[in-house]
């Protein structure tokens, strides 16, 4: 099942893209179409949160998303593209609209209460600070950071909503906190699987089943659930061994190497910023995937291979 599923992701996200996107006009059509769909999903997500109330581990945009971490990663990837175009845009009505959309997606990320998504945005901001270091856009980004930090402090002190933020931040280093405790168990199980199957792993997609033979903490909250390792790198190591993780890291290296070269070579401004957005979006995924299960998921699986497929396209 795992082979069939992921072959579908690779086929749709990597191999079909060059068949359709054969010009910048097609690229723009695809990008605008995706943005419209994602914006509708985010607005719907706000509606579900208003109906269900803002809370940690909430079901957002259900039934389109059944896991809040997947939703957070999905929104963050789109946010990375929007922020790149916003920072590159010249003053005018288009930049104002981009600013509203970027702020909308940024608010959606904040209200997911997914700490990994927050941290991935922090790395994204640092990445863009470097990329736009010679532009006034970098100054705008610093101002946004300052205003966002001040707003976060005000919310934390003056509202009940702030208590949720403080709770999420306060538990980051608490190893006995239920979510952190569960991650330690999942990571240890993945590491022990890899130690027993160093070169080729336990088999593609096998971690959720094999996990029960490698549990360290039987009292972890997910000890009876079939789910991933909460870390894509450890999960790949466990399932495919050294061969798999080395190929995966090589694939990411080639992605960034080719993206950086293309960014310097293309003459189209839209393509250049899109390639920068690809790098930023991939960065948020790679950071987020350190601590959360982002697969198997059609939303993230197709998006991941779409980003990989866009570079050779």
C-alpha atoms as a PDB file:
ATOM      1  CA  UNK A   1       0.000   0.000   0.000  1.00  0.00           C
ATOM      2  CA  UNK A   2       2.807   2.410   0.852  1.00  0.00           C
ATOM      3  CA  UNK A   3       4.541   1.782  -2.475  1.00  0.00           C
ATOM      4  CA  UNK A   4       1.303   2.351  -4.416  1.00  0.00           C
ATOM      5  CA  UNK A   5       0.496   5.494  -2.433  1.00  0.00           C
ATOM      6  CA  UNK A   6       3.898   7.138  -2.743  1.00  0.00           C
ATOM      7  CA  UNK A   7       4.291   6.128  -6.383  1.00  0.00           C
ATOM      8  CA  UNK A   8       1.089   8.065  -6.972  1.00  0.00           C
ATOM      9  CA  UNK A   9       2.516  11.123  -5.207  1.00  0.00           C
ATOM     10  CA  UNK A  10       5.737  10.955  -7.235  1.00  0.00           C
ATOM     11  CA  UNK A  11       3.913  10.366 -10.501  1.00  0.00           C
ATOM     12  CA  UNK A  12       1.447  13.212  -9.989  1.00  0.00           C
ATOM     13  CA  UNK A  13       3.798  15.678  -8.328  1.00  0.00           C
ATOM     14  CA  UNK A  14       7.025  15.083 -10.246  1.00  0.00           C
ATOM     15  CA  UNK A  15       6.402  13.443 -13.630  1.00  0.00           C
ATOM     16  CA  UNK A  16       3.077  14.977 -14.685  1.00  0.00           C
ATOM     17  CA  UNK A  17       4.154  18.584 -14.076  1.00  0.00           C
ATOM     18  CA  UNK A  18       6.431  18.853 -17.150  1.00  0.00           C
ATOM     19  CA  UNK A  19       3.571  17.495 -19.254  1.00  0.00           C
ATOM     20  CA  UNK A  20       1.362  20.460 -18.363  1.00  0.00           C
ATOM     21  CA  UNK A  21       3.559  23.407 -17.406  1.00  0.00           C
ATOM     22  CA  UNK A  22       5.330  24.240 -20.670  1.00  0.00           C
ATOM     23  CA  UNK A  23       5.331  28.030 -20.436  1.00  0.00           C
ATOM     24  CA  UNK A  24       5.288  30.834 -17.902  1.00  0.00           C
ATOM     25  CA  UNK A  25       1.620  31.384 -18.712  1.00  0.00           C
ATOM     26  CA  UNK A  26       0.865  27.807 -17.606  1.00  0.00           C
ATOM     27  CA  UNK A  27       2.989  28.316 -14.499  1.00  0.00           C
ATOM     28  CA  UNK A  28       1.015  31.434 -13.591  1.00  0.00           C
ATOM     29  CA  UNK A  29      -2.296  29.654 -14.215  1.00  0.00           C
ATOM     30  CA  UNK A  30      -1.212  26.820 -11.939  1.00  0.00           C
ATOM     31  CA  UNK A  31       0.058  29.155  -9.213  1.00  0.00           C
ATOM     32  CA  UNK A  32      -3.073  31.340  -9.236  1.00  0.00           C
ATOM     33  CA  UNK A  33      -5.351  28.305  -9.269  1.00  0.00           C
ATOM     34  CA  UNK A  34      -3.550  26.796  -6.292  1.00  0.00           C
ATOM     35  CA  UNK A  35      -3.664  30.118  -4.426  1.00  0.00           C
ATOM     36  CA  UNK A  36      -7.424  30.457  -4.920  1.00  0.00           C
ATOM     37  CA  UNK A  37      -8.070  26.923  -3.662  1.00  0.00           C
ATOM     38  CA  UNK A  38      -5.749  27.336  -0.682  1.00  0.00           C
ATOM     39  CA  UNK A  39      -7.303  30.688   0.251  1.00  0.00           C
ATOM     40  CA  UNK A  40     -10.768  29.119   0.236  1.00  0.00           C
ATOM     41  CA  UNK A  41      -9.475  26.307   2.475  1.00  0.00           C
ATOM     42  CA  UNK A  42      -7.937  28.790   4.923  1.00  0.00           C
ATOM     43  CA  UNK A  43     -11.139  30.850   5.101  1.00  0.00           C
ATOM     44  CA  UNK A  44     -13.072  27.638   5.684  1.00  0.00           C
ATOM     45  CA  UNK A  45     -10.537  26.766   8.381  1.00  0.00           C
ATOM     46  CA  UNK A  46     -11.328  30.020  10.187  1.00  0.00           C
ATOM     47  CA  UNK A  47     -15.032  29.141  10.035  1.00  0.00           C
ATOM     48  CA  UNK A  48     -14.464  25.709  11.606  1.00  0.00           C
ATOM     49  CA  UNK A  49     -12.385  27.324  14.347  1.00  0.00           C
ATOM     50  CA  UNK A  50     -15.077  29.894  15.101  1.00  0.00           C
ATOM     51  CA  UNK A  51     -17.704  27.159  15.304  1.00  0.00           C
ATOM     52  CA  UNK A  52     -15.598  24.767  17.352  1.00  0.00           C
ATOM     53  CA  UNK A  53     -13.747  27.392  19.362  1.00  0.00           C
ATOM     54  CA  UNK A  54     -10.030  28.129  19.408  1.00  0.00           C
ATOM     55  CA  UNK A  55      -8.132  25.408  21.220  1.00  0.00           C
ATOM     56  CA  UNK A  56      -4.974  23.316  21.005  1.00  0.00           C
ATOM     57  CA  UNK A  57      -5.246  20.089  18.960  1.00  0.00           C
ATOM     58  CA  UNK A  58      -8.403  21.363  17.292  1.00  0.00           C
ATOM     59  CA  UNK A  59      -9.804  19.889  14.101  1.00  0.00           C
ATOM     60  CA  UNK A  60      -9.320  22.644  11.540  1.00  0.00           C
ATOM     61  CA  UNK A  61     -10.902  22.668   8.063  1.00  0.00           C
ATOM     62  CA  UNK A  62     -12.419  19.232   8.644  1.00  0.00           C
ATOM     63  CA  UNK A  63     -13.140  17.036   6.692  1.00  0.00           C
ATOM     64  CA  UNK A  64     -10.575  18.333   4.168  1.00  0.00           C
ATOM     65  CA  UNK A  65      -7.919  18.015   6.878  1.00  0.00           C
ATOM     66  CA  UNK A  66      -8.152  15.410   9.616  1.00  0.00           C
ATOM     67  CA  UNK A  67      -4.933  16.434  11.408  1.00  0.00           C
ATOM     68  CA  UNK A  68      -4.077  19.954  12.578  1.00  0.00           C
ATOM     69  CA  UNK A  69      -0.325  19.468  11.991  1.00  0.00           C
ATOM     70  CA  UNK A  70      -0.948  18.609   8.328  1.00  0.00           C
ATOM     71  CA  UNK A  71      -3.115  21.712   7.994  1.00  0.00           C
ATOM     72  CA  UNK A  72      -0.402  23.869   9.605  1.00  0.00           C
ATOM     73  CA  UNK A  73       2.323  22.519   7.303  1.00  0.00           C
ATOM     74  CA  UNK A  74       0.082  22.932   4.250  1.00  0.00           C
ATOM     75  CA  UNK A  75      -0.712  26.569   5.086  1.00  0.00           C
ATOM     76  CA  UNK A  76       2.923  27.349   5.946  1.00  0.00           C
ATOM     77  CA  UNK A  77       4.127  26.150   2.537  1.00  0.00           C
ATOM     78  CA  UNK A  78       1.724  28.525   0.783  1.00  0.00           C
ATOM     79  CA  UNK A  79       2.688  31.307   3.199  1.00  0.00           C
ATOM     80  CA  UNK A  80       6.324  30.887   2.124  1.00  0.00           C
ATOM     81  CA  UNK A  81       5.423  31.588  -1.520  1.00  0.00           C
ATOM     82  CA  UNK A  82       3.214  34.550  -0.635  1.00  0.00           C
ATOM     83  CA  UNK A  83       5.868  36.109   1.572  1.00  0.00           C
ATOM     84  CA  UNK A  84       8.505  35.819  -1.158  1.00  0.00           C
ATOM     85  CA  UNK A  85       6.270  37.601  -3.691  1.00  0.00           C
ATOM     86  CA  UNK A  86       5.242  40.211  -1.119  1.00  0.00           C
ATOM     87  CA  UNK A  87       8.842  41.048  -0.260  1.00  0.00           C
ATOM     88  CA  UNK A  88       9.767  41.292  -3.934  1.00  0.00           C
ATOM     89  CA  UNK A  89       6.715  43.316  -5.012  1.00  0.00           C
ATOM     90  CA  UNK A  90       6.926  47.020  -5.753  1.00  0.00           C
ATOM     91  CA  UNK A  91       4.643  49.467  -3.908  1.00  0.00           C
ATOM     92  CA  UNK A  92       1.143  49.486  -5.342  1.00  0.00           C
ATOM     93  CA  UNK A  93      -2.243  47.799  -5.252  1.00  0.00           C
ATOM     94  CA  UNK A  94      -0.799  44.356  -6.014  1.00  0.00           C
ATOM     95  CA  UNK A  95       1.577  44.578  -3.074  1.00  0.00           C
ATOM     96  CA  UNK A  96      -1.285  45.657  -0.814  1.00  0.00           C
ATOM     97  CA  UNK A  97      -3.341  42.620  -1.874  1.00  0.00           C
ATOM     98  CA  UNK A  98      -0.323  40.357  -1.412  1.00  0.00           C
ATOM     99  CA  UNK A  99       0.158  41.818   2.052  1.00  0.00           C
ATOM    100  CA  UNK A 100      -3.441  41.022   3.019  1.00  0.00           C
ATOM    101  CA  UNK A 101      -3.163  37.441   1.723  1.00  0.00           C
ATOM    102  CA  UNK A 102       0.198  36.930   3.436  1.00  0.00           C
ATOM    103  CA  UNK A 103      -1.189  38.250   6.723  1.00  0.00           C
ATOM    104  CA  UNK A 104      -4.251  35.994   6.351  1.00  0.00           C
ATOM    105  CA  UNK A 105      -2.105  32.884   5.956  1.00  0.00           C
ATOM    106  CA  UNK A 106       0.223  34.053   8.727  1.00  0.00           C
ATOM    107  CA  UNK A 107      -2.725  34.403  11.110  1.00  0.00           C
ATOM    108  CA  UNK A 108      -3.916  30.940  10.095  1.00  0.00           C
ATOM    109  CA  UNK A 109      -0.508  29.512  11.057  1.00  0.00           C
ATOM    110  CA  UNK A 110      -0.525  31.254  14.425  1.00  0.00           C
ATOM    111  CA  UNK A 111      -4.010  29.969  15.272  1.00  0.00           C
ATOM    112  CA  UNK A 112      -3.121  26.334  14.534  1.00  0.00           C
ATOM    113  CA  UNK A 113      -1.092  26.339  17.789  1.00  0.00           C
ATOM    114  CA  UNK A 114       1.367  23.980  16.074  1.00  0.00           C
ATOM    115  CA  UNK A 115       4.782  24.801  17.513  1.00  0.00           C
ATOM    116  CA  UNK A 116       6.708  23.148  14.680  1.00  0.00           C
ATOM    117  CA  UNK A 117       4.935  25.380  12.163  1.00  0.00           C
ATOM    118  CA  UNK A 118       5.874  28.447  14.213  1.00  0.00           C
ATOM    119  CA  UNK A 119       9.526  27.388  14.324  1.00  0.00           C
ATOM    120  CA  UNK A 120       9.547  26.650  10.608  1.00  0.00           C
ATOM    121  CA  UNK A 121       8.298  30.203   9.955  1.00  0.00           C
ATOM    122  CA  UNK A 122      11.105  31.561  12.115  1.00  0.00           C
ATOM    123  CA  UNK A 123      13.675  29.764   9.939  1.00  0.00           C
ATOM    124  CA  UNK A 124      11.823  30.972   6.851  1.00  0.00           C
ATOM    125  CA  UNK A 125      12.074  34.584   8.028  1.00  0.00           C
ATOM    126  CA  UNK A 126      15.803  34.221   8.640  1.00  0.00           C
ATOM    127  CA  UNK A 127      16.221  32.678   5.179  1.00  0.00           C
ATOM    128  CA  UNK A 128      14.381  35.572   3.536  1.00  0.00           C
ATOM    129  CA  UNK A 129      16.282  38.114   5.600  1.00  0.00           C
ATOM    130  CA  UNK A 130      19.420  36.751   3.997  1.00  0.00           C
ATOM    131  CA  UNK A 131      17.897  36.585   0.506  1.00  0.00           C
ATOM    132  CA  UNK A 132      16.584  40.167   0.644  1.00  0.00           C
ATOM    133  CA  UNK A 133      19.433  41.621   2.685  1.00  0.00           C
ATOM    134  CA  UNK A 134      20.188  44.220   0.004  1.00  0.00           C
ATOM    135  CA  UNK A 135      16.573  45.253  -0.448  1.00  0.00           C
ATOM    136  CA  UNK A 136      14.233  47.541   1.430  1.00  0.00           C
ATOM    137  CA  UNK A 137      12.031  44.466   1.737  1.00  0.00           C
ATOM    138  CA  UNK A 138      14.394  43.171   4.418  1.00  0.00           C
ATOM    139  CA  UNK A 139      13.658  46.260   6.492  1.00  0.00           C
ATOM    140  CA  UNK A 140       9.934  45.605   6.029  1.00  0.00           C
ATOM    141  CA  UNK A 141      10.455  42.054   7.234  1.00  0.00           C
ATOM    142  CA  UNK A 142      12.301  43.211  10.354  1.00  0.00           C
ATOM    143  CA  UNK A 143       9.441  45.618  11.099  1.00  0.00           C
ATOM    144  CA  UNK A 144       6.947  42.766  10.677  1.00  0.00           C
ATOM    145  CA  UNK A 145       8.989  40.651  13.072  1.00  0.00           C
ATOM    146  CA  UNK A 146       9.065  43.402  15.679  1.00  0.00           C
ATOM    147  CA  UNK A 147       5.346  44.133  15.354  1.00  0.00           C
ATOM    148  CA  UNK A 148       4.518  40.432  15.495  1.00  0.00           C
ATOM    149  CA  UNK A 149       6.619  39.969  18.628  1.00  0.00           C
ATOM    150  CA  UNK A 150       5.030  42.988  20.321  1.00  0.00           C
ATOM    151  CA  UNK A 151       1.561  41.769  19.388  1.00  0.00           C
ATOM    152  CA  UNK A 152       2.381  38.338  20.777  1.00  0.00           C
ATOM    153  CA  UNK A 153       3.513  39.868  24.083  1.00  0.00           C
ATOM    154  CA  UNK A 154       0.358  41.971  24.323  1.00  0.00           C
ATOM    155  CA  UNK A 155      -1.864  38.962  23.596  1.00  0.00           C
ATOM    156  CA  UNK A 156       0.007  36.845  26.119  1.00  0.00           C
ATOM    157  CA  UNK A 157      -0.518  39.390  28.877  1.00  0.00           C
ATOM    158  CA  UNK A 158      -3.997  40.727  28.183  1.00  0.00           C
ATOM    159  CA  UNK A 159      -6.161  37.931  26.731  1.00  0.00           C
ATOM    160  CA  UNK A 160      -7.295  34.371  27.338  1.00  0.00           C
ATOM    161  CA  UNK A 161      -5.981  33.589  23.856  1.00  0.00           C
ATOM    162  CA  UNK A 162      -2.528  34.502  25.114  1.00  0.00           C
ATOM    163  CA  UNK A 163      -2.755  31.726  27.688  1.00  0.00           C
ATOM    164  CA  UNK A 164      -2.918  29.181  24.871  1.00  0.00           C
ATOM    165  CA  UNK A 165       0.227  30.630  23.295  1.00  0.00           C
ATOM    166  CA  UNK A 166       2.032  30.619  26.635  1.00  0.00           C
ATOM    167  CA  UNK A 167       0.992  27.022  27.244  1.00  0.00           C
ATOM    168  CA  UNK A 168       2.415  25.953  23.872  1.00  0.00           C
ATOM    169  CA  UNK A 169       5.677  27.797  24.440  1.00  0.00           C
ATOM    170  CA  UNK A 170       5.998  26.717  28.080  1.00  0.00           C
ATOM    171  CA  UNK A 171       5.814  23.001  27.186  1.00  0.00           C
ATOM    172  CA  UNK A 172       8.519  23.050  24.489  1.00  0.00           C
ATOM    173  CA  UNK A 173      11.231  21.762  26.839  1.00  0.00           C
ATOM    174  CA  UNK A 174       9.011  19.772  29.228  1.00  0.00           C
ATOM    175  CA  UNK A 175       9.977  16.142  28.567  1.00  0.00           C
ATOM    176  CA  UNK A 176       7.057  14.871  30.648  1.00  0.00           C
ATOM    177  CA  UNK A 177       4.506  16.820  28.605  1.00  0.00           C
ATOM    178  CA  UNK A 178       2.317  14.225  26.898  1.00  0.00           C
ATOM    179  CA  UNK A 179       3.165  15.202  23.303  1.00  0.00           C
ATOM    180  CA  UNK A 180       6.909  15.494  23.970  1.00  0.00           C
ATOM    181  CA  UNK A 181       6.968  12.245  25.928  1.00  0.00           C
ATOM    182  CA  UNK A 182       5.253  10.484  23.030  1.00  0.00           C
ATOM    183  CA  UNK A 183       7.767  11.878  20.530  1.00  0.00           C
ATOM    184  CA  UNK A 184      10.698  10.607  22.571  1.00  0.00           C
ATOM    185  CA  UNK A 185       9.158   7.141  22.510  1.00  0.00           C
ATOM    186  CA  UNK A 186       8.561   7.266  18.747  1.00  0.00           C
ATOM    187  CA  UNK A 187      12.065   8.561  18.049  1.00  0.00           C
ATOM    188  CA  UNK A 188      13.666   5.886  20.220  1.00  0.00           C
ATOM    189  CA  UNK A 189      11.656   3.183  18.449  1.00  0.00           C
ATOM    190  CA  UNK A 190      12.754   4.465  15.029  1.00  0.00           C
ATOM    191  CA  UNK A 191      16.396   4.630  16.144  1.00  0.00           C
ATOM    192  CA  UNK A 192      16.294   1.058  17.459  1.00  0.00           C
ATOM    193  CA  UNK A 193      14.687  -0.150  14.223  1.00  0.00           C
ATOM    194  CA  UNK A 194      17.525   1.414  12.282  1.00  0.00           C
ATOM    195  CA  UNK A 195      20.131  -0.175  14.566  1.00  0.00           C
ATOM    196  CA  UNK A 196      18.621  -3.589  13.804  1.00  0.00           C
ATOM    197  CA  UNK A 197      18.256  -2.920  10.054  1.00  0.00           C
ATOM    198  CA  UNK A 198      21.047  -0.492   9.261  1.00  0.00           C
ATOM    199  CA  UNK A 199      21.367  -0.753   5.504  1.00  0.00           C
ATOM    200  CA  UNK A 200      17.919  -1.369   3.974  1.00  0.00           C
ATOM    201  CA  UNK A 201      15.584  -0.772   6.921  1.00  0.00           C
ATOM    202  CA  UNK A 202      12.431  -2.610   7.933  1.00  0.00           C
ATOM    203  CA  UNK A 203      10.596  -1.935   4.675  1.00  0.00           C
ATOM    204  CA  UNK A 204       8.905   1.043   3.023  1.00  0.00           C
ATOM    205  CA  UNK A 205       5.852   2.139   5.014  1.00  0.00           C
ATOM    206  CA  UNK A 206       6.446  -0.492   7.709  1.00  0.00           C
ATOM    207  CA  UNK A 207       7.151   1.799  10.684  1.00  0.00           C
ATOM    208  CA  UNK A 208       3.528   2.009  11.958  1.00  0.00           C
ATOM    209  CA  UNK A 209       3.347  -1.786  12.197  1.00  0.00           C
ATOM    210  CA  UNK A 210       6.864  -2.541  13.403  1.00  0.00           C
ATOM    211  CA  UNK A 211       6.681   0.211  16.037  1.00  0.00           C
ATOM    212  CA  UNK A 212       4.776  -2.034  18.454  1.00  0.00           C
ATOM    213  CA  UNK A 213       7.802  -4.343  18.679  1.00  0.00           C
ATOM    214  CA  UNK A 214      10.091  -1.438  19.595  1.00  0.00           C
ATOM    215  CA  UNK A 215       8.056   0.606  22.074  1.00  0.00           C
ATOM    216  CA  UNK A 216      10.129   2.065  24.873  1.00  0.00           C
ATOM    217  CA  UNK A 217       7.394   3.766  26.903  1.00  0.00           C
ATOM    218  CA  UNK A 218       4.269   1.628  27.048  1.00  0.00           C
ATOM    219  CA  UNK A 219       2.363   4.488  28.706  1.00  0.00           C
ATOM    220  CA  UNK A 220       2.845   6.945  25.806  1.00  0.00           C
ATOM    221  CA  UNK A 221      -0.520   8.292  24.683  1.00  0.00           C
ATOM    222  CA  UNK A 222      -0.165   6.908  21.138  1.00  0.00           C
ATOM    223  CA  UNK A 223       1.215   3.540  22.224  1.00  0.00           C
ATOM    224  CA  UNK A 224      -1.747   1.740  20.635  1.00  0.00           C
ATOM    225  CA  UNK A 225      -1.935   3.849  17.436  1.00  0.00           C
ATOM    226  CA  UNK A 226      -0.566   3.112  13.993  1.00  0.00           C
ATOM    227  CA  UNK A 227       1.238   6.321  13.117  1.00  0.00           C
ATOM    228  CA  UNK A 228       4.613   7.678  12.043  1.00  0.00           C
ATOM    229  CA  UNK A 229       7.770   8.493  13.977  1.00  0.00           C
ATOM    230  CA  UNK A 230       7.146  12.239  14.391  1.00  0.00           C
ATOM    231  CA  UNK A 231      10.394  12.742  12.479  1.00  0.00           C
ATOM    232  CA  UNK A 232      10.645  12.137   8.737  1.00  0.00           C
ATOM    233  CA  UNK A 233      14.414  11.555   8.863  1.00  0.00           C
ATOM    234  CA  UNK A 234      14.294   8.903  11.596  1.00  0.00           C
ATOM    235  CA  UNK A 235      11.301   7.301   9.896  1.00  0.00           C
ATOM    236  CA  UNK A 236      13.130   7.047   6.573  1.00  0.00           C
ATOM    237  CA  UNK A 237      16.168   5.618   8.365  1.00  0.00           C
ATOM    238  CA  UNK A 238      13.984   3.036  10.115  1.00  0.00           C
ATOM    239  CA  UNK A 239      12.139   2.008   6.946  1.00  0.00           C
ATOM    240  CA  UNK A 240      14.893   2.214   4.308  1.00  0.00           C
ATOM    241  CA  UNK A 241      18.153   2.244   6.286  1.00  0.00           C
ATOM    242  CA  UNK A 242      21.286   4.100   5.270  1.00  0.00           C
ATOM    243  CA  UNK A 243      20.475   3.610   1.593  1.00  0.00           C
ATOM    244  CA  UNK A 244      17.176   5.448   1.933  1.00  0.00           C
ATOM    245  CA  UNK A 245      18.242   8.359   4.120  1.00  0.00           C
ATOM    246  CA  UNK A 246      21.330   9.054   1.986  1.00  0.00           C
ATOM    247  CA  UNK A 247      19.231   9.098  -1.191  1.00  0.00           C
ATOM    248  CA  UNK A 248      16.674  11.362   0.490  1.00  0.00           C
ATOM    249  CA  UNK A 249      19.312  13.847   1.649  1.00  0.00           C
ATOM    250  CA  UNK A 250      20.972  13.728  -1.783  1.00  0.00           C
ATOM    251  CA  UNK A 251      17.619  14.527  -3.367  1.00  0.00           C
ATOM    252  CA  UNK A 252      17.198  17.590  -1.108  1.00  0.00           C
ATOM    253  CA  UNK A 253      20.772  18.686  -1.823  1.00  0.00           C
ATOM    254  CA  UNK A 254      20.220  18.474  -5.598  1.00  0.00           C
ATOM    255  CA  UNK A 255      16.945  20.386  -5.220  1.00  0.00           C
ATOM    256  CA  UNK A 256      18.641  23.340  -3.508  1.00  0.00           C
ATOM    257  CA  UNK A 257      21.739  23.235  -5.681  1.00  0.00           C
ATOM    258  CA  UNK A 258      19.711  23.415  -8.878  1.00  0.00           C
ATOM    259  CA  UNK A 259      17.265  25.951  -7.417  1.00  0.00           C
ATOM    260  CA  UNK A 260      20.073  28.346  -6.464  1.00  0.00           C
ATOM    261  CA  UNK A 261      21.610  28.078  -9.931  1.00  0.00           C
ATOM    262  CA  UNK A 262      18.247  28.620 -11.618  1.00  0.00           C
ATOM    263  CA  UNK A 263      17.446  31.595  -9.418  1.00  0.00           C
ATOM    264  CA  UNK A 264      20.559  33.331 -10.721  1.00  0.00           C
ATOM    265  CA  UNK A 265      20.046  32.278 -14.336  1.00  0.00           C
ATOM    266  CA  UNK A 266      16.384  33.012 -15.108  1.00  0.00           C
ATOM    267  CA  UNK A 267      15.486  36.400 -16.576  1.00  0.00           C
ATOM    268  CA  UNK A 268      11.786  36.340 -15.688  1.00  0.00           C
ATOM    269  CA  UNK A 269      11.053  38.078 -12.402  1.00  0.00           C
ATOM    270  CA  UNK A 270       8.033  35.863 -11.719  1.00  0.00           C
ATOM    271  CA  UNK A 271      10.052  32.686 -12.228  1.00  0.00           C
ATOM    272  CA  UNK A 272      12.914  33.975 -10.079  1.00  0.00           C
ATOM    273  CA  UNK A 273      10.629  34.750  -7.128  1.00  0.00           C
ATOM    274  CA  UNK A 274       8.733  31.488  -7.618  1.00  0.00           C
ATOM    275  CA  UNK A 275      12.017  29.572  -7.382  1.00  0.00           C
ATOM    276  CA  UNK A 276      12.872  31.500  -4.219  1.00  0.00           C
ATOM    277  CA  UNK A 277       9.440  30.612  -2.855  1.00  0.00           C
ATOM    278  CA  UNK A 278      10.112  26.948  -3.645  1.00  0.00           C
ATOM    279  CA  UNK A 279      13.264  27.084  -1.539  1.00  0.00           C
ATOM    280  CA  UNK A 280      11.498  28.788   1.349  1.00  0.00           C
ATOM    281  CA  UNK A 281       8.517  26.437   1.210  1.00  0.00           C
ATOM    282  CA  UNK A 282      10.775  23.373   1.134  1.00  0.00           C
ATOM    283  CA  UNK A 283      12.675  24.769   4.134  1.00  0.00           C
ATOM    284  CA  UNK A 284       9.468  25.027   6.182  1.00  0.00           C
ATOM    285  CA  UNK A 285       8.647  21.417   5.323  1.00  0.00           C
ATOM    286  CA  UNK A 286      12.106  20.142   6.252  1.00  0.00           C
ATOM    287  CA  UNK A 287      12.043  21.973   9.601  1.00  0.00           C
ATOM    288  CA  UNK A 288       8.467  20.999  10.426  1.00  0.00           C
ATOM    289  CA  UNK A 289       9.121  17.351   9.559  1.00  0.00           C
ATOM    290  CA  UNK A 290      11.718  17.127  12.334  1.00  0.00           C
ATOM    291  CA  UNK A 291       9.028  16.836  15.007  1.00  0.00           C
ATOM    292  CA  UNK A 292       5.675  16.077  13.374  1.00  0.00           C
ATOM    293  CA  UNK A 293       4.090  13.399  11.220  1.00  0.00           C
ATOM    294  CA  UNK A 294       3.607  14.983   7.793  1.00  0.00           C
ATOM    295  CA  UNK A 295       2.922  11.751   5.992  1.00  0.00           C
ATOM    296  CA  UNK A 296       1.304   9.803   4.625  1.00  0.00           C
ATOM    297  CA  UNK A 297      -0.870  12.687   3.539  1.00  0.00           C
ATOM    298  CA  UNK A 298      -2.115  13.491   0.061  1.00  0.00           C
ATOM    299  CA  UNK A 299      -1.967  17.228   0.882  1.00  0.00           C
ATOM    300  CA  UNK A 300       1.710  17.141   1.850  1.00  0.00           C
ATOM    301  CA  UNK A 301       2.813  14.222  -0.325  1.00  0.00           C
ATOM    302  CA  UNK A 302       1.598  15.809  -3.563  1.00  0.00           C
ATOM    303  CA  UNK A 303       2.844  19.240  -2.495  1.00  0.00           C
ATOM    304  CA  UNK A 304       6.321  17.913  -1.644  1.00  0.00           C
ATOM    305  CA  UNK A 305       6.723  16.202  -5.027  1.00  0.00           C
ATOM    306  CA  UNK A 306       5.199  19.192  -6.824  1.00  0.00           C
ATOM    307  CA  UNK A 307       7.950  21.397  -5.350  1.00  0.00           C
ATOM    308  CA  UNK A 308      10.624  18.875  -6.314  1.00  0.00           C
ATOM    309  CA  UNK A 309       9.154  18.564  -9.804  1.00  0.00           C
ATOM    310  CA  UNK A 310       9.054  22.320 -10.406  1.00  0.00           C
ATOM    311  CA  UNK A 311      12.858  22.716 -10.402  1.00  0.00           C
ATOM    312  CA  UNK A 312      13.613  20.460 -13.410  1.00  0.00           C
ATOM    313  CA  UNK A 313      10.414  21.756 -15.050  1.00  0.00           C
END
